[in-house]
Amino acid sequence: MSTTTLAFRLACEPDVAGLRALHALPAGLSDFQVIEYALQKQRAADKPDSLPAALQRVVALAAIEHGADGMRCHQWALEGGSERELLQQFLARINAGTRLVCWSAAELPILLQRALLNACESVSWPNALRLAPALAEGQEAEPQLEVLASLAGIGSATAEGLTAIQRCRAEVVLIQQILLRYRCLHGELTAVDFQQALAALAAAENQERGR
């Protein structure tokens, strides 16, 4: 196995400051009112009931890096820092030849556009695998992460009361396990590789919990 994969899951919230500037909204409007105004404009234009990628601020990000030297878990949250610092720390894990892996088609545009808006730097922009669209094989509806993970007996990330970073961390573990099966299916991993990777993932999770 020579390819290094970097599976990630991010959590976002509306970029209220960006919305205020974009729509020249009065300072007296609350954050809630600003968000509702933007969503109403989306609905009026028959657009999806969600904000464009550029207006979704990344507040948490979890990743699992899998390469020749093993597997490592990473997590970043704002917690008083800046979005640029969060994104830059994630991008620092990318090297030439890294294969970036996300679940949905929506996550990569958010990562790319928010990194661009924050003037982030990267050694190399990687090839990317969007797992859900790849598994959908042209069907309009993408498979849901929780459903597929449950059917595969992998686990769940639906516990109540999780923070944004805790949910990202739980979901990226599911993504990584599905990715390992996907790579086996495509001949990238042998059965021995697969079992070793599962053991490495369990060890990486235990190490992360111990921090």
Protein backbone atom coordinates (compact mmCIF):
# COMPACT_ATOMS: atom_id res chain seq x y z
CA MET A 1 0.00 0.00 0.00
CA SER A 2 1.77 3.15 -1.20
CA THR A 3 -1.01 5.73 -1.38
CA THR A 4 -1.59 7.86 1.70
CA THR A 5 -5.28 8.55 2.28
CA LEU A 6 -6.62 11.41 4.36
CA ALA A 7 -10.29 10.86 5.18
CA PHE A 8 -12.03 13.84 6.73
CA ARG A 9 -15.33 15.04 8.10
CA LEU A 10 -16.13 18.70 8.77
CA ALA A 11 -18.80 20.64 10.65
CA CYS A 12 -19.98 24.05 9.53
CA GLU A 13 -22.12 26.95 10.62
CA PRO A 14 -23.44 29.89 8.58
CA ASP A 15 -20.88 32.61 7.95
CA VAL A 16 -22.91 35.38 9.55
CA ALA A 17 -20.27 38.05 8.99
CA GLY A 18 -20.08 37.09 5.33
CA LEU A 19 -23.86 37.18 4.98
CA ARG A 20 -24.04 40.63 6.58
CA ALA A 21 -21.40 41.97 4.19
CA LEU A 22 -22.82 40.24 1.10
CA HIS A 23 -26.37 41.53 1.63
CA ALA A 24 -25.45 44.85 3.32
CA LEU A 25 -27.75 44.02 6.23
CA PRO A 26 -28.39 46.43 9.12
CA ALA A 27 -26.21 45.96 12.18
CA GLY A 28 -29.34 45.75 14.33
CA LEU A 29 -30.35 42.36 12.95
CA SER A 30 -29.55 39.39 15.15
CA ASP A 31 -27.46 36.50 13.83
CA PHE A 32 -30.63 34.40 13.68
CA GLN A 33 -32.41 37.05 11.59
CA VAL A 34 -29.43 37.29 9.23
CA ILE A 35 -29.44 33.54 8.65
CA GLU A 36 -33.22 33.44 8.16
CA TYR A 37 -33.00 36.29 5.64
CA ALA A 38 -30.39 34.42 3.61
CA LEU A 39 -32.36 31.16 3.69
CA GLN A 40 -35.55 32.93 2.62
CA LYS A 41 -33.70 34.37 -0.38
CA GLN A 42 -32.57 30.84 -1.25
CA ARG A 43 -36.14 29.53 -1.07
CA ALA A 44 -37.52 32.44 -3.09
CA ALA A 45 -35.05 31.63 -5.86
CA ASP A 46 -36.02 27.92 -5.75
CA LYS A 47 -32.54 27.04 -4.57
CA PRO A 48 -31.62 24.37 -2.01
CA ASP A 49 -32.57 25.16 1.59
CA SER A 50 -28.90 25.46 2.53
CA LEU A 51 -26.27 28.10 2.06
CA PRO A 52 -23.66 28.01 -0.73
CA ALA A 53 -20.31 26.45 0.13
CA ALA A 54 -18.55 29.81 0.37
CA LEU A 55 -20.94 30.91 3.13
CA GLN A 56 -20.46 27.87 5.36
CA ARG A 57 -17.82 28.52 8.00
CA VAL A 58 -15.83 25.48 9.09
CA VAL A 59 -15.92 25.15 12.89
CA ALA A 60 -14.61 21.61 13.38
CA LEU A 61 -12.74 19.03 11.34
CA ALA A 62 -11.63 15.47 12.08
CA ALA A 63 -9.40 13.36 9.87
CA ILE A 64 -7.77 9.94 9.70
CA GLU A 65 -4.44 9.67 7.91
CA HIS A 66 -3.48 6.23 6.60
CA GLY A 67 -0.10 5.65 5.01
CA ALA A 68 2.96 3.41 5.01
CA ASP A 69 3.85 4.47 8.56
CA GLY A 70 0.45 3.50 9.96
CA MET A 71 -2.71 5.36 10.87
CA ARG A 72 -3.22 8.57 12.83
CA CYS A 73 -6.31 10.42 14.03
CA HIS A 74 -6.44 14.21 13.92
CA GLN A 75 -8.98 16.75 15.07
CA TRP A 76 -9.24 20.52 15.01
CA ALA A 77 -11.88 22.89 16.37
CA LEU A 78 -12.10 26.68 16.50
CA GLU A 79 -12.19 27.00 20.31
CA GLY A 80 -11.04 30.62 20.24
CA GLY A 81 -8.80 30.23 17.20
CA SER A 82 -9.45 31.30 13.63
CA GLU A 83 -10.96 29.32 10.78
CA ARG A 84 -7.78 29.91 8.80
CA GLU A 85 -5.65 28.31 11.53
CA LEU A 86 -7.97 25.29 11.63
CA LEU A 87 -7.89 24.82 7.86
CA GLN A 88 -4.16 25.45 7.60
CA GLN A 89 -3.40 22.77 10.19
CA PHE A 90 -5.48 20.29 8.20
CA LEU A 91 -3.88 21.26 4.89
CA ALA A 92 -0.45 20.78 6.46
CA ARG A 93 -1.19 17.03 6.54
CA ILE A 94 -1.38 16.96 2.72
CA ASN A 95 1.68 15.94 0.73
CA ALA A 96 2.22 15.22 -2.96
CA GLY A 97 0.38 12.00 -3.70
CA THR A 98 -2.08 12.27 -0.80
CA ARG A 99 -5.57 11.05 -1.65
CA LEU A 100 -8.21 13.16 0.06
CA VAL A 101 -11.41 11.30 0.99
CA CYS A 102 -14.74 12.79 2.03
CA TRP A 103 -18.22 11.32 2.28
CA SER A 104 -20.57 13.68 0.46
CA ALA A 105 -20.16 15.72 -2.70
CA ALA A 106 -20.83 18.90 -0.68
CA GLU A 107 -17.83 18.72 1.65
CA LEU A 108 -14.99 19.20 -0.81
CA PRO A 109 -16.35 22.48 -2.27
CA ILE A 110 -16.73 23.83 1.27
CA LEU A 111 -13.15 22.91 2.12
CA LEU A 112 -11.78 24.33 -1.13
CA GLN A 113 -13.75 27.59 -1.10
CA ARG A 114 -13.24 28.34 2.59
CA ALA A 115 -9.52 27.63 2.24
CA LEU A 116 -9.41 30.01 -0.71
CA LEU A 117 -11.32 32.75 1.16
CA ASN A 118 -8.93 32.39 4.10
CA ALA A 119 -5.86 32.57 1.81
CA CYS A 120 -4.61 29.18 3.00
CA GLU A 121 -1.54 27.46 1.58
CA SER A 122 -0.96 23.85 0.58
CA VAL A 123 2.06 21.98 -0.75
CA SER A 124 -0.16 20.23 -3.27
CA TRP A 125 -3.88 20.01 -3.87
CA PRO A 126 -4.67 16.31 -3.79
CA ASN A 127 -6.74 13.97 -5.86
CA ALA A 128 -10.05 13.42 -4.11
CA LEU A 129 -12.48 10.57 -3.64
CA ARG A 130 -16.07 11.41 -2.76
CA LEU A 131 -17.25 8.13 -1.28
CA ALA A 132 -21.03 8.60 -1.31
CA PRO A 133 -21.23 9.64 -5.01
CA ALA A 134 -18.81 6.85 -5.91
CA LEU A 135 -21.00 4.30 -4.14
CA ALA A 136 -24.17 5.76 -5.70
CA GLU A 137 -22.82 4.85 -9.18
CA GLY A 138 -24.80 7.53 -11.00
CA GLN A 139 -27.98 7.30 -8.94
CA GLU A 140 -29.42 10.64 -7.90
CA ALA A 141 -29.65 9.80 -4.19
CA GLU A 142 -26.39 9.32 -2.33
CA PRO A 143 -26.26 6.62 0.35
CA GLN A 144 -26.50 7.93 3.91
CA LEU A 145 -23.43 7.36 6.04
CA GLU A 146 -25.34 6.24 9.12
CA VAL A 147 -27.53 3.82 7.15
CA LEU A 148 -24.64 2.18 5.32
CA ALA A 149 -22.51 1.95 8.46
CA SER A 150 -25.39 0.40 10.40
CA LEU A 151 -26.13 -2.16 7.68
CA ALA A 152 -22.43 -3.07 7.53
CA GLY A 153 -22.36 -3.54 11.30
CA ILE A 154 -19.66 -0.91 11.63
CA GLY A 155 -21.26 1.31 14.25
CA SER A 156 -23.10 4.57 14.71
CA ALA A 157 -22.40 8.24 15.39
CA THR A 158 -25.93 9.22 16.39
CA ALA A 159 -25.45 9.57 20.15
CA GLU A 160 -27.17 12.68 21.49
CA GLY A 161 -25.30 15.52 23.11
CA LEU A 162 -22.17 15.28 20.96
CA THR A 163 -20.24 18.46 20.26
CA ALA A 164 -19.39 19.34 16.66
CA ILE A 165 -15.88 17.94 16.97
CA GLN A 166 -17.07 14.78 18.74
CA ARG A 167 -19.56 14.11 15.94
CA CYS A 168 -16.92 14.75 13.27
CA ARG A 169 -14.56 12.36 15.03
CA ALA A 170 -17.20 9.62 15.34
CA GLU A 171 -18.29 10.00 11.71
CA VAL A 172 -14.79 10.02 10.23
CA VAL A 173 -14.16 6.65 11.89
CA LEU A 174 -17.20 5.28 10.05
CA ILE A 175 -15.97 6.85 6.81
CA GLN A 176 -12.53 5.30 7.27
CA GLN A 177 -13.98 1.84 7.81
CA ILE A 178 -16.17 2.13 4.71
CA LEU A 179 -13.15 3.44 2.78
CA LEU A 180 -11.14 0.35 3.75
CA ARG A 181 -13.91 -1.90 2.40
CA TYR A 182 -14.12 0.23 -0.75
CA ARG A 183 -10.38 -0.14 -1.32
CA CYS A 184 -10.60 -3.91 -0.83
CA LEU A 185 -13.42 -4.04 -3.36
CA HIS A 186 -11.28 -2.15 -5.88
CA GLY A 187 -8.20 -4.31 -5.36
CA GLU A 188 -6.18 -1.66 -3.54
CA LEU A 189 -5.96 -3.67 -0.31
CA THR A 190 -5.61 -7.39 0.27
CA ALA A 191 -7.54 -9.21 2.98
CA VAL A 192 -4.39 -9.12 5.12
CA ASP A 193 -3.99 -5.37 4.47
CA PHE A 194 -7.61 -4.87 5.48
CA GLN A 195 -7.28 -6.65 8.81
CA GLN A 196 -4.03 -4.85 9.57
CA ALA A 197 -5.68 -1.52 8.76
CA LEU A 198 -8.61 -2.25 11.08
CA ALA A 199 -6.16 -3.05 13.87
CA ALA A 200 -4.23 0.14 13.14
CA LEU A 201 -7.46 2.16 13.23
CA ALA A 202 -8.42 0.70 16.61
CA ALA A 203 -4.95 1.50 17.96
CA ALA A 204 -5.12 5.07 16.58
CA GLU A 205 -8.53 5.58 18.19
CA ASN A 206 -7.26 4.34 21.54
CA GLN A 207 -4.25 6.65 21.31
CA GLU A 208 -6.50 9.61 20.49
CA ARG A 209 -8.77 8.87 23.44
CA GLY A 210 -5.74 8.75 25.72
CA ARG A 211 -4.68 12.30 24.88
